[in-house]
Amino acid sequence: MSSTTVDPSGNPIPTSSVLIAASKHIAFKCRAENMAFIKCKKKDPNPEKCLDKGREVTHCVLSLLKSLHQTCPKEMDAYAGCLYYHTNEFEFCRKEQEAFEMACPLSE
């Protein structure tokens, strides 16, 4: 994995390890967008009907990843890097997870 979770222009790179590292934050911060998307999908399974809701989810997640990288880049990179190295197995990355959650608590 690269040494950072963003590309040279500062945009987040949403790899599986990055998304898993940020999953608690995504669930907390993007809950409304995710629920609107799920409700839309339940109402109408036609993929075209929910594209706008999907874009809102994507925007929320990418904005959140950018914010996390600005707030706690070292801890985010260390946690995502550990998850990448250990094939997204949490139990090998508890130390990095704790440091990340201390630097970027959910309450922010």
PDB file of N, CA and C in Angstrom:
ATOM      1  N   MET A   1       0.849  -1.180   0.000  1.00  0.00           N
ATOM      2  CA  MET A   1       0.000   0.000   0.000  1.00  0.00           C
ATOM      3  C   MET A   1       0.888   1.235   0.000  1.00  0.00           C
ATOM      4  N   SER A   2       0.412   2.273  -0.606  1.00  0.00           N
ATOM      5  CA  SER A   2       1.160   3.519  -0.584  1.00  0.00           C
ATOM      6  C   SER A   2       1.207   4.049   0.846  1.00  0.00           C
ATOM      7  N   SER A   3       2.046   5.036   1.076  1.00  0.00           N
ATOM      8  CA  SER A   3       2.233   5.542   2.429  1.00  0.00           C
ATOM      9  C   SER A   3       1.132   6.509   2.854  1.00  0.00           C
ATOM     10  N   THR A   4       0.182   6.781   1.989  1.00  0.00           N
ATOM     11  CA  THR A   4      -0.883   7.715   2.324  1.00  0.00           C
ATOM     12  C   THR A   4      -2.211   7.237   1.753  1.00  0.00           C
ATOM     13  N   THR A   5      -3.310   7.721   2.344  1.00  0.00           N
ATOM     14  CA  THR A   5      -4.639   7.324   1.908  1.00  0.00           C
ATOM     15  C   THR A   5      -5.257   8.329   0.938  1.00  0.00           C
ATOM     16  N   VAL A   6      -4.437   9.283   0.455  1.00  0.00           N
ATOM     17  CA  VAL A   6      -4.904  10.267  -0.515  1.00  0.00           C
ATOM     18  C   VAL A   6      -3.964  10.308  -1.712  1.00  0.00           C
ATOM     19  N   ASP A   7      -4.498  10.767  -2.841  1.00  0.00           N
ATOM     20  CA  ASP A   7      -3.667  10.907  -4.030  1.00  0.00           C
ATOM     21  C   ASP A   7      -2.899  12.231  -3.962  1.00  0.00           C
ATOM     22  N   PRO A   8      -2.017  12.489  -4.929  1.00  0.00           N
ATOM     23  CA  PRO A   8      -1.210  13.723  -4.878  1.00  0.00           C
ATOM     24  C   PRO A   8      -2.031  15.022  -4.825  1.00  0.00           C
ATOM     25  N   SER A   9      -3.253  14.995  -5.335  1.00  0.00           N
ATOM     26  CA  SER A   9      -4.073  16.210  -5.298  1.00  0.00           C
ATOM     27  C   SER A   9      -4.876  16.338  -4.004  1.00  0.00           C
ATOM     28  N   GLY A  10      -4.718  15.386  -3.084  1.00  0.00           N
ATOM     29  CA  GLY A  10      -5.399  15.467  -1.800  1.00  0.00           C
ATOM     30  C   GLY A  10      -6.750  14.788  -1.738  1.00  0.00           C
ATOM     31  N   ASN A  11      -7.122  14.111  -2.812  1.00  0.00           N
ATOM     32  CA  ASN A  11      -8.398  13.401  -2.825  1.00  0.00           C
ATOM     33  C   ASN A  11      -8.228  12.019  -2.202  1.00  0.00           C
ATOM     34  N   PRO A  12      -9.209  11.573  -1.407  1.00  0.00           N
ATOM     35  CA  PRO A  12      -9.105  10.272  -0.760  1.00  0.00           C
ATOM     36  C   PRO A  12      -9.101   9.121  -1.768  1.00  0.00           C
ATOM     37  N   ILE A  13      -8.342   8.087  -1.433  1.00  0.00           N
ATOM     38  CA  ILE A  13      -8.313   6.864  -2.237  1.00  0.00           C
ATOM     39  C   ILE A  13      -9.112   5.828  -1.456  1.00  0.00           C
ATOM     40  N   PRO A  14     -10.353   5.541  -1.863  1.00  0.00           N
ATOM     41  CA  PRO A  14     -11.207   4.665  -1.064  1.00  0.00           C
ATOM     42  C   PRO A  14     -10.954   3.170  -1.295  1.00  0.00           C
ATOM     43  N   THR A  15      -9.780   2.707  -0.891  1.00  0.00           N
ATOM     44  CA  THR A  15      -9.487   1.276  -0.980  1.00  0.00           C
ATOM     45  C   THR A  15     -10.290   0.548   0.092  1.00  0.00           C
ATOM     46  N   SER A  16     -10.360  -0.770  -0.004  1.00  0.00           N
ATOM     47  CA  SER A  16     -11.105  -1.522   1.005  1.00  0.00           C
ATOM     48  C   SER A  16     -10.530  -1.292   2.396  1.00  0.00           C
ATOM     49  N   SER A  17      -9.227  -1.229   2.517  1.00  0.00           N
ATOM     50  CA  SER A  17      -8.605  -1.013   3.831  1.00  0.00           C
ATOM     51  C   SER A  17      -8.955   0.353   4.403  1.00  0.00           C
ATOM     52  N   VAL A  18      -8.969   1.354   3.565  1.00  0.00           N
ATOM     53  CA  VAL A  18      -9.329   2.710   4.006  1.00  0.00           C
ATOM     54  C   VAL A  18     -10.797   2.745   4.432  1.00  0.00           C
ATOM     55  N   LEU A  19     -11.660   2.130   3.642  1.00  0.00           N
ATOM     56  CA  LEU A  19     -13.086   2.128   3.967  1.00  0.00           C
ATOM     57  C   LEU A  19     -13.363   1.342   5.246  1.00  0.00           C
ATOM     58  N   ILE A  20     -12.659   0.233   5.444  1.00  0.00           N
ATOM     59  CA  ILE A  20     -12.840  -0.544   6.671  1.00  0.00           C
ATOM     60  C   ILE A  20     -12.316   0.242   7.868  1.00  0.00           C
ATOM     61  N   ALA A  21     -11.170   0.891   7.712  1.00  0.00           N
ATOM     62  CA  ALA A  21     -10.616   1.694   8.805  1.00  0.00           C
ATOM     63  C   ALA A  21     -11.588   2.799   9.212  1.00  0.00           C
ATOM     64  N   ALA A  22     -12.268   3.369   8.250  1.00  0.00           N
ATOM     65  CA  ALA A  22     -13.184   4.485   8.513  1.00  0.00           C
ATOM     66  C   ALA A  22     -14.633   4.034   8.700  1.00  0.00           C
ATOM     67  N   SER A  23     -14.889   2.743   8.738  1.00  0.00           N
ATOM     68  CA  SER A  23     -16.267   2.239   8.729  1.00  0.00           C
ATOM     69  C   SER A  23     -17.130   2.763   9.876  1.00  0.00           C
ATOM     70  N   LYS A  24     -16.581   2.855  11.077  1.00  0.00           N
ATOM     71  CA  LYS A  24     -17.372   3.382  12.200  1.00  0.00           C
ATOM     72  C   LYS A  24     -17.730   4.842  11.961  1.00  0.00           C
ATOM     73  N   HIS A  25     -16.777   5.603  11.428  1.00  0.00           N
ATOM     74  CA  HIS A  25     -17.029   7.014  11.130  1.00  0.00           C
ATOM     75  C   HIS A  25     -18.056   7.151  10.013  1.00  0.00           C
ATOM     76  N   ILE A  26     -17.947   6.309   8.996  1.00  0.00           N
ATOM     77  CA  ILE A  26     -18.905   6.341   7.888  1.00  0.00           C
ATOM     78  C   ILE A  26     -20.308   6.034   8.404  1.00  0.00           C
ATOM     79  N   ALA A  27     -20.431   4.998   9.232  1.00  0.00           N
ATOM     80  CA  ALA A  27     -21.743   4.637   9.776  1.00  0.00           C
ATOM     81  C   ALA A  27     -22.325   5.779  10.598  1.00  0.00           C
ATOM     82  N   PHE A  28     -21.481   6.485  11.324  1.00  0.00           N
ATOM     83  CA  PHE A  28     -21.923   7.584  12.194  1.00  0.00           C
ATOM     84  C   PHE A  28     -22.243   8.847  11.399  1.00  0.00           C
ATOM     85  N   LYS A  29     -21.327   9.256  10.530  1.00  0.00           N
ATOM     86  CA  LYS A  29     -21.453  10.546   9.836  1.00  0.00           C
ATOM     87  C   LYS A  29     -22.338  10.495   8.587  1.00  0.00           C
ATOM     88  N   CYS A  30     -22.411   9.345   7.936  1.00  0.00           N
ATOM     89  CA  CYS A  30     -23.158   9.252   6.672  1.00  0.00           C
ATOM     90  C   CYS A  30     -24.432   8.422   6.814  1.00  0.00           C
ATOM     91  N   ARG A  31     -24.909   8.302   8.030  1.00  0.00           N
ATOM     92  CA  ARG A  31     -26.090   7.481   8.299  1.00  0.00           C
ATOM     93  C   ARG A  31     -27.310   7.962   7.507  1.00  0.00           C
ATOM     94  N   ALA A  32     -27.577   9.242   7.530  1.00  0.00           N
ATOM     95  CA  ALA A  32     -28.773   9.773   6.849  1.00  0.00           C
ATOM     96  C   ALA A  32     -28.727   9.489   5.349  1.00  0.00           C
ATOM     97  N   GLU A  33     -27.566   9.694   4.746  1.00  0.00           N
ATOM     98  CA  GLU A  33     -27.419   9.448   3.310  1.00  0.00           C
ATOM     99  C   GLU A  33     -27.582   7.963   2.989  1.00  0.00           C
ATOM    100  N   ASN A  34     -26.989   7.115   3.821  1.00  0.00           N
ATOM    101  CA  ASN A  34     -27.112   5.668   3.605  1.00  0.00           C
ATOM    102  C   ASN A  34     -28.556   5.202   3.768  1.00  0.00           C
ATOM    103  N   MET A  35     -29.250   5.710   4.777  1.00  0.00           N
ATOM    104  CA  MET A  35     -30.643   5.321   4.999  1.00  0.00           C
ATOM    105  C   MET A  35     -31.539   5.782   3.850  1.00  0.00           C
ATOM    106  N   ALA A  36     -31.304   6.980   3.346  1.00  0.00           N
ATOM    107  CA  ALA A  36     -32.095   7.472   2.211  1.00  0.00           C
ATOM    108  C   ALA A  36     -31.870   6.584   0.987  1.00  0.00           C
ATOM    109  N   PHE A  37     -30.634   6.162   0.776  1.00  0.00           N
ATOM    110  CA  PHE A  37     -30.324   5.285  -0.351  1.00  0.00           C
ATOM    111  C   PHE A  37     -31.006   3.924  -0.180  1.00  0.00           C
ATOM    112  N   ILE A  38     -30.923   3.362   1.009  1.00  0.00           N
ATOM    113  CA  ILE A  38     -31.539   2.058   1.267  1.00  0.00           C
ATOM    114  C   ILE A  38     -33.052   2.135   1.088  1.00  0.00           C
ATOM    115  N   LYS A  39     -33.671   3.188   1.597  1.00  0.00           N
ATOM    116  CA  LYS A  39     -35.123   3.357   1.443  1.00  0.00           C
ATOM    117  C   LYS A  39     -35.494   3.474  -0.028  1.00  0.00           C
ATOM    118  N   CYS A  40     -34.682   4.205  -0.777  1.00  0.00           N
ATOM    119  CA  CYS A  40     -34.933   4.351  -2.212  1.00  0.00           C
ATOM    120  C   CYS A  40     -34.855   2.998  -2.906  1.00  0.00           C
ATOM    121  N   LYS A  41     -33.835   2.208  -2.578  1.00  0.00           N
ATOM    122  CA  LYS A  41     -33.659   0.894  -3.205  1.00  0.00           C
ATOM    123  C   LYS A  41     -34.808  -0.050  -2.854  1.00  0.00           C
ATOM    124  N   LYS A  42     -35.297   0.033  -1.628  1.00  0.00           N
ATOM    125  CA  LYS A  42     -36.426  -0.816  -1.229  1.00  0.00           C
ATOM    126  C   LYS A  42     -37.701  -0.412  -1.952  1.00  0.00           C
ATOM    127  N   LYS A  43     -37.843   0.885  -2.172  1.00  0.00           N
ATOM    128  CA  LYS A  43     -39.036   1.417  -2.837  1.00  0.00           C
ATOM    129  C   LYS A  43     -39.046   1.055  -4.320  1.00  0.00           C
ATOM    130  N   ASP A  44     -37.868   1.136  -4.951  1.00  0.00           N
ATOM    131  CA  ASP A  44     -37.786   0.881  -6.389  1.00  0.00           C
ATOM    132  C   ASP A  44     -36.436   0.240  -6.716  1.00  0.00           C
ATOM    133  N   PRO A  45     -36.409  -1.046  -7.076  1.00  0.00           N
ATOM    134  CA  PRO A  45     -35.137  -1.722  -7.356  1.00  0.00           C
ATOM    135  C   PRO A  45     -34.455  -1.286  -8.661  1.00  0.00           C
ATOM    136  N   ASN A  46     -35.101  -0.423  -9.438  1.00  0.00           N
ATOM    137  CA  ASN A  46     -34.502   0.081 -10.667  1.00  0.00           C
ATOM    138  C   ASN A  46     -33.288   0.946 -10.292  1.00  0.00           C
ATOM    139  N   PRO A  47     -32.075   0.544 -10.692  1.00  0.00           N
ATOM    140  CA  PRO A  47     -30.871   1.288 -10.306  1.00  0.00           C
ATOM    141  C   PRO A  47     -30.894   2.770 -10.687  1.00  0.00           C
ATOM    142  N   GLU A  48     -31.523   3.100 -11.797  1.00  0.00           N
ATOM    143  CA  GLU A  48     -31.542   4.491 -12.243  1.00  0.00           C
ATOM    144  C   GLU A  48     -32.329   5.404 -11.301  1.00  0.00           C
ATOM    145  N   LYS A  49     -33.274   4.864 -10.581  1.00  0.00           N
ATOM    146  CA  LYS A  49     -34.128   5.673  -9.710  1.00  0.00           C
ATOM    147  C   LYS A  49     -33.389   6.204  -8.482  1.00  0.00           C
ATOM    148  N   CYS A  50     -32.275   5.568  -8.129  1.00  0.00           N
ATOM    149  CA  CYS A  50     -31.584   5.939  -6.886  1.00  0.00           C
ATOM    150  C   CYS A  50     -30.177   6.486  -7.127  1.00  0.00           C
ATOM    151  N   LEU A  51     -29.877   6.875  -8.350  1.00  0.00           N
ATOM    152  CA  LEU A  51     -28.539   7.388  -8.641  1.00  0.00           C
ATOM    153  C   LEU A  51     -28.204   8.629  -7.823  1.00  0.00           C
ATOM    154  N   ASP A  52     -29.166   9.528  -7.665  1.00  0.00           N
ATOM    155  CA  ASP A  52     -28.908  10.744  -6.890  1.00  0.00           C
ATOM    156  C   ASP A  52     -28.605  10.419  -5.427  1.00  0.00           C
ATOM    157  N   LYS A  53     -29.315   9.457  -4.871  1.00  0.00           N
ATOM    158  CA  LYS A  53     -29.062   9.045  -3.481  1.00  0.00           C
ATOM    159  C   LYS A  53     -27.694   8.379  -3.364  1.00  0.00           C
ATOM    160  N   GLY A  54     -27.323   7.604  -4.365  1.00  0.00           N
ATOM    161  CA  GLY A  54     -26.005   6.972  -4.379  1.00  0.00           C
ATOM    162  C   GLY A  54     -24.888   8.003  -4.451  1.00  0.00           C
ATOM    163  N   ARG A  55     -25.095   9.045  -5.254  1.00  0.00           N
ATOM    164  CA  ARG A  55     -24.102  10.122  -5.342  1.00  0.00           C
ATOM    165  C   ARG A  55     -23.952  10.845  -4.001  1.00  0.00           C
ATOM    166  N   GLU A  56     -25.073  11.003  -3.283  1.00  0.00           N
ATOM    167  CA  GLU A  56     -25.017  11.649  -1.969  1.00  0.00           C
ATOM    168  C   GLU A  56     -24.202  10.809  -0.981  1.00  0.00           C
ATOM    169  N   VAL A  57     -24.374   9.492  -1.026  1.00  0.00           N
ATOM    170  CA  VAL A  57     -23.588   8.597  -0.165  1.00  0.00           C
ATOM    171  C   VAL A  57     -22.111   8.715  -0.521  1.00  0.00           C
ATOM    172  N   THR A  58     -21.807   8.650  -1.804  1.00  0.00           N
ATOM    173  CA  THR A  58     -20.412   8.742  -2.255  1.00  0.00           C
ATOM    174  C   THR A  58     -19.796  10.065  -1.838  1.00  0.00           C
ATOM    175  N   HIS A  59     -20.522  11.154  -2.023  1.00  0.00           N
ATOM    176  CA  HIS A  59     -20.019  12.475  -1.635  1.00  0.00           C
ATOM    177  C   HIS A  59     -19.749  12.534  -0.134  1.00  0.00           C
ATOM    178  N   CYS A  60     -20.666  12.006   0.657  1.00  0.00           N
ATOM    179  CA  CYS A  60     -20.495  12.024   2.112  1.00  0.00           C
ATOM    180  C   CYS A  60     -19.250  11.237   2.508  1.00  0.00           C
ATOM    181  N   VAL A  61     -19.085  10.036   1.957  1.00  0.00           N
ATOM    182  CA  VAL A  61     -17.941   9.186   2.314  1.00  0.00           C
ATOM    183  C   VAL A  61     -16.625   9.833   1.886  1.00  0.00           C
ATOM    184  N   LEU A  62     -16.558  10.341   0.669  1.00  0.00           N
ATOM    185  CA  LEU A  62     -15.312  10.966   0.203  1.00  0.00           C
ATOM    186  C   LEU A  62     -14.980  12.220   0.999  1.00  0.00           C
ATOM    187  N   SER A  63     -15.992  13.007   1.346  1.00  0.00           N
ATOM    188  CA  SER A  63     -15.765  14.195   2.183  1.00  0.00           C
ATOM    189  C   SER A  63     -15.272  13.796   3.563  1.00  0.00           C
ATOM    190  N   LEU A  64     -15.858  12.752   4.108  1.00  0.00           N
ATOM    191  CA  LEU A  64     -15.442  12.268   5.422  1.00  0.00           C
ATOM    192  C   LEU A  64     -14.003  11.760   5.385  1.00  0.00           C
ATOM    193  N   LEU A  65     -13.651  10.995   4.353  1.00  0.00           N
ATOM    194  CA  LEU A  65     -12.281  10.484   4.245  1.00  0.00           C
ATOM    195  C   LEU A  65     -11.279  11.631   4.142  1.00  0.00           C
ATOM    196  N   LYS A  66     -11.643  12.662   3.394  1.00  0.00           N
ATOM    197  CA  LYS A  66     -10.762  13.827   3.274  1.00  0.00           C
ATOM    198  C   LYS A  66     -10.599  14.516   4.623  1.00  0.00           C
ATOM    199  N   SER A  67     -11.692  14.654   5.344  1.00  0.00           N
ATOM    200  CA  SER A  67     -11.659  15.274   6.665  1.00  0.00           C
ATOM    201  C   SER A  67     -10.814  14.452   7.640  1.00  0.00           C
ATOM    202  N   LEU A  68     -10.983  13.142   7.621  1.00  0.00           N
ATOM    203  CA  LEU A  68     -10.189  12.279   8.502  1.00  0.00           C
ATOM    204  C   LEU A  68      -8.703  12.404   8.179  1.00  0.00           C
ATOM    205  N   HIS A  69      -8.390  12.462   6.892  1.00  0.00           N
ATOM    206  CA  HIS A  69      -6.986  12.571   6.516  1.00  0.00           C
ATOM    207  C   HIS A  69      -6.401  13.919   6.935  1.00  0.00           C
ATOM    208  N   GLN A  70      -7.207  14.959   6.928  1.00  0.00           N
ATOM    209  CA  GLN A  70      -6.722  16.272   7.369  1.00  0.00           C
ATOM    210  C   GLN A  70      -6.573  16.333   8.886  1.00  0.00           C
ATOM    211  N   THR A  71      -7.433  15.637   9.602  1.00  0.00           N
ATOM    212  CA  THR A  71      -7.443  15.684  11.065  1.00  0.00           C
ATOM    213  C   THR A  71      -6.400  14.758  11.686  1.00  0.00           C
ATOM    214  N   CYS A  72      -6.291  13.547  11.161  1.00  0.00           N
ATOM    215  CA  CYS A  72      -5.389  12.562  11.776  1.00  0.00           C
ATOM    216  C   CYS A  72      -4.722  11.695  10.698  1.00  0.00           C
ATOM    217  N   PRO A  73      -3.932  12.308   9.822  1.00  0.00           N
ATOM    218  CA  PRO A  73      -3.356  11.560   8.696  1.00  0.00           C
ATOM    219  C   PRO A  73      -2.431  10.417   9.111  1.00  0.00           C
ATOM    220  N   LYS A  74      -1.596  10.642  10.104  1.00  0.00           N
ATOM    221  CA  LYS A  74      -0.634   9.621  10.520  1.00  0.00           C
ATOM    222  C   LYS A  74      -1.362   8.380  11.043  1.00  0.00           C
ATOM    223  N   GLU A  75      -2.351   8.594  11.902  1.00  0.00           N
ATOM    224  CA  GLU A  75      -3.088   7.482  12.498  1.00  0.00           C
ATOM    225  C   GLU A  75      -3.969   6.767  11.470  1.00  0.00           C
ATOM    226  N   MET A  76      -4.592   7.537  10.589  1.00  0.00           N
ATOM    227  CA  MET A  76      -5.421   6.943   9.533  1.00  0.00           C
ATOM    228  C   MET A  76      -4.570   6.087   8.610  1.00  0.00           C
ATOM    229  N   ASP A  77      -3.439   6.624   8.183  1.00  0.00           N
ATOM    230  CA  ASP A  77      -2.546   5.883   7.291  1.00  0.00           C
ATOM    231  C   ASP A  77      -2.008   4.621   7.963  1.00  0.00           C
ATOM    232  N   ALA A  78      -1.660   4.728   9.250  1.00  0.00           N
ATOM    233  CA  ALA A  78      -1.120   3.571   9.976  1.00  0.00           C
ATOM    234  C   ALA A  78      -2.178   2.480  10.107  1.00  0.00           C
ATOM    235  N   TYR A  79      -3.399   2.854  10.445  1.00  0.00           N
ATOM    236  CA  TYR A  79      -4.478   1.880  10.610  1.00  0.00           C
ATOM    237  C   TYR A  79      -4.845   1.242   9.269  1.00  0.00           C
ATOM    238  N   ALA A  80      -5.056   2.054   8.249  1.00  0.00           N
ATOM    239  CA  ALA A  80      -5.388   1.518   6.924  1.00  0.00           C
ATOM    240  C   ALA A  80      -4.238   0.661   6.387  1.00  0.00           C
ATOM    241  N   GLY A  81      -2.997   1.089   6.617  1.00  0.00           N
ATOM    242  CA  GLY A  81      -1.837   0.321   6.168  1.00  0.00           C
ATOM    243  C   GLY A  81      -1.750  -1.024   6.860  1.00  0.00           C
ATOM    244  N   CYS A  82      -2.030  -1.047   8.150  1.00  0.00           N
ATOM    245  CA  CYS A  82      -2.027  -2.310   8.898  1.00  0.00           C
ATOM    246  C   CYS A  82      -3.114  -3.240   8.372  1.00  0.00           C
ATOM    247  N   LEU A  83      -4.307  -2.694   8.159  1.00  0.00           N
ATOM    248  CA  LEU A  83      -5.399  -3.516   7.619  1.00  0.00           C
ATOM    249  C   LEU A  83      -5.030  -4.065   6.243  1.00  0.00           C
ATOM    250  N   TYR A  84      -4.423  -3.251   5.425  1.00  0.00           N
ATOM    251  CA  TYR A  84      -3.994  -3.699   4.096  1.00  0.00           C
ATOM    252  C   TYR A  84      -2.984  -4.842   4.223  1.00  0.00           C
ATOM    253  N   TYR A  85      -1.996  -4.656   5.063  1.00  0.00           N
ATOM    254  CA  TYR A  85      -0.936  -5.652   5.235  1.00  0.00           C
ATOM    255  C   TYR A  85      -1.491  -6.975   5.760  1.00  0.00           C
ATOM    256  N   HIS A  86      -2.479  -6.883   6.652  1.00  0.00           N
ATOM    257  CA  HIS A  86      -3.054  -8.075   7.273  1.00  0.00           C
ATOM    258  C   HIS A  86      -4.388  -8.480   6.632  1.00  0.00           C
ATOM    259  N   THR A  87      -4.581  -8.141   5.378  1.00  0.00           N
ATOM    260  CA  THR A  87      -5.776  -8.515   4.611  1.00  0.00           C
ATOM    261  C   THR A  87      -7.071  -8.178   5.353  1.00  0.00           C
ATOM    262  N   ASN A  88      -7.121  -6.968   5.878  1.00  0.00           N
ATOM    263  CA  ASN A  88      -8.304  -6.429   6.545  1.00  0.00           C
ATOM    264  C   ASN A  88      -8.742  -7.215   7.777  1.00  0.00           C
ATOM    265  N   GLU A  89      -7.808  -7.870   8.439  1.00  0.00           N
ATOM    266  CA  GLU A  89      -8.104  -8.597   9.681  1.00  0.00           C
ATOM    267  C   GLU A  89      -7.893  -7.657  10.871  1.00  0.00           C
ATOM    268  N   PHE A  90      -8.988  -7.294  11.532  1.00  0.00           N
ATOM    269  CA  PHE A  90      -8.943  -6.339  12.633  1.00  0.00           C
ATOM    270  C   PHE A  90      -8.030  -6.761  13.776  1.00  0.00           C
ATOM    271  N   GLU A  91      -8.060  -8.038  14.119  1.00  0.00           N
ATOM    272  CA  GLU A  91      -7.369  -8.466  15.336  1.00  0.00           C
ATOM    273  C   GLU A  91      -5.876  -8.188  15.326  1.00  0.00           C
ATOM    274  N   PHE A  92      -5.286  -8.019  14.147  1.00  0.00           N
ATOM    275  CA  PHE A  92      -3.859  -7.728  14.055  1.00  0.00           C
ATOM    276  C   PHE A  92      -3.557  -6.222  14.129  1.00  0.00           C
ATOM    277  N   CYS A  93      -4.596  -5.403  14.163  1.00  0.00           N
ATOM    278  CA  CYS A  93      -4.405  -3.958  14.059  1.00  0.00           C
ATOM    279  C   CYS A  93      -5.055  -3.183  15.205  1.00  0.00           C
ATOM    280  N   ARG A  94      -5.234  -3.814  16.335  1.00  0.00           N
ATOM    281  CA  ARG A  94      -5.914  -3.156  17.457  1.00  0.00           C
ATOM    282  C   ARG A  94      -5.142  -1.936  17.966  1.00  0.00           C
ATOM    283  N   LYS A  95      -3.823  -2.016  17.980  1.00  0.00           N
ATOM    284  CA  LYS A  95      -3.004  -0.884  18.444  1.00  0.00           C
ATOM    285  C   LYS A  95      -3.212   0.331  17.531  1.00  0.00           C
ATOM    286  N   GLU A  96      -3.168   0.113  16.230  1.00  0.00           N
ATOM    287  CA  GLU A  96      -3.383   1.194  15.255  1.00  0.00           C
ATOM    288  C   GLU A  96      -4.821   1.707  15.311  1.00  0.00           C
ATOM    289  N   GLN A  97      -5.763   0.790  15.508  1.00  0.00           N
ATOM    290  CA  GLN A  97      -7.169   1.190  15.619  1.00  0.00           C
ATOM    291  C   GLN A  97      -7.371   2.101  16.834  1.00  0.00           C
ATOM    292  N   GLU A  98      -6.787   1.729  17.958  1.00  0.00           N
ATOM    293  CA  GLU A  98      -6.917   2.537  19.165  1.00  0.00           C
ATOM    294  C   GLU A  98      -6.322   3.936  18.965  1.00  0.00           C
ATOM    295  N   ALA A  99      -5.148   4.006  18.350  1.00  0.00           N
ATOM    296  CA  ALA A  99      -4.506   5.303  18.094  1.00  0.00           C
ATOM    297  C   ALA A  99      -5.374   6.148  17.152  1.00  0.00           C
ATOM    298  N   PHE A 100      -5.931   5.534  16.126  1.00  0.00           N
ATOM    299  CA  PHE A 100      -6.800   6.241  15.179  1.00  0.00           C
ATOM    300  C   PHE A 100      -8.055   6.760  15.879  1.00  0.00           C
ATOM    301  N   GLU A 101      -8.682   5.920  16.669  1.00  0.00           N
ATOM    302  CA  GLU A 101      -9.920   6.320  17.345  1.00  0.00           C
ATOM    303  C   GLU A 101      -9.683   7.380  18.426  1.00  0.00           C
ATOM    304  N   MET A 102      -8.487   7.389  18.994  1.00  0.00           N
ATOM    305  CA  MET A 102      -8.149   8.443  19.968  1.00  0.00           C
ATOM    306  C   MET A 102      -7.906   9.765  19.232  1.00  0.00           C
ATOM    307  N   ALA A 103      -7.218   9.712  18.079  1.00  0.00           N
ATOM    308  CA  ALA A 103      -6.902  10.930  17.323  1.00  0.00           C
ATOM    309  C   ALA A 103      -8.111  11.489  16.603  1.00  0.00           C
ATOM    310  N   CYS A 104      -9.000  10.633  16.151  1.00  0.00           N
ATOM    311  CA  CYS A 104     -10.211  11.033  15.427  1.00  0.00           C
ATOM    312  C   CYS A 104     -11.442  10.378  16.054  1.00  0.00           C
ATOM    313  N   PRO A 105     -11.876  10.857  17.199  1.00  0.00           N
ATOM    314  CA  PRO A 105     -13.048  10.252  17.845  1.00  0.00           C
ATOM    315  C   PRO A 105     -14.329  10.475  17.050  1.00  0.00           C
ATOM    316  N   LEU A 106     -15.282   9.594  17.239  1.00  0.00           N
ATOM    317  CA  LEU A 106     -16.553   9.679  16.513  1.00  0.00           C
ATOM    318  C   LEU A 106     -17.339  10.943  16.824  1.00  0.00           C
ATOM    319  N   SER A 107     -17.161  11.501  17.980  1.00  0.00           N
ATOM    320  CA  SER A 107     -17.956  12.653  18.404  1.00  0.00           C
ATOM    321  C   SER A 107     -17.670  13.931  17.625  1.00  0.00           C
ATOM    322  N   GLU A 108     -16.619  13.960  16.829  1.00  0.00           N
ATOM    323  CA  GLU A 108     -16.281  15.186  16.093  1.00  0.00           C
ATOM    324  C   GLU A 108     -17.230  15.443  14.964  1.00  0.00           C
TER     325      GLU A 108
END
